[in-house]
Amino acid sequence: MLKVLKLQKAVYIIILGVLTLIASQIMSENKVARSSLVLGISGVLLIIGALMFLYPILFAKKVDADGQKVELQPMEKELTEEEQAAS
């Protein structure tokens, strides 16, 4: 089973952004004065939701089976005999 990445809040914010977008379109059709304000709020909610989706990806840490953090360092390449002779 996949681990939950704590994205539930982001999903709620995206859903709220879509609902406010729909409300903004309805308000615009009925020529309500503050429809552009609701549209702006919808855009802000969608951007915040997208950033919350990216947060676990950008700040993920590698852990081993025991739950300890692992330092990710590249392995050093060993020189072959041909490379040693060339240098």
Foldseek 3Di string as FASTA:
>chain_A
DDDDLPLPVLVVLLVVLVVLCVVLVVCVVVVPPCSVVSPVVSVVSNVVSVVSVCVCVVPPFDADPVRDTDDDDDDDDDDDPVRVVVD
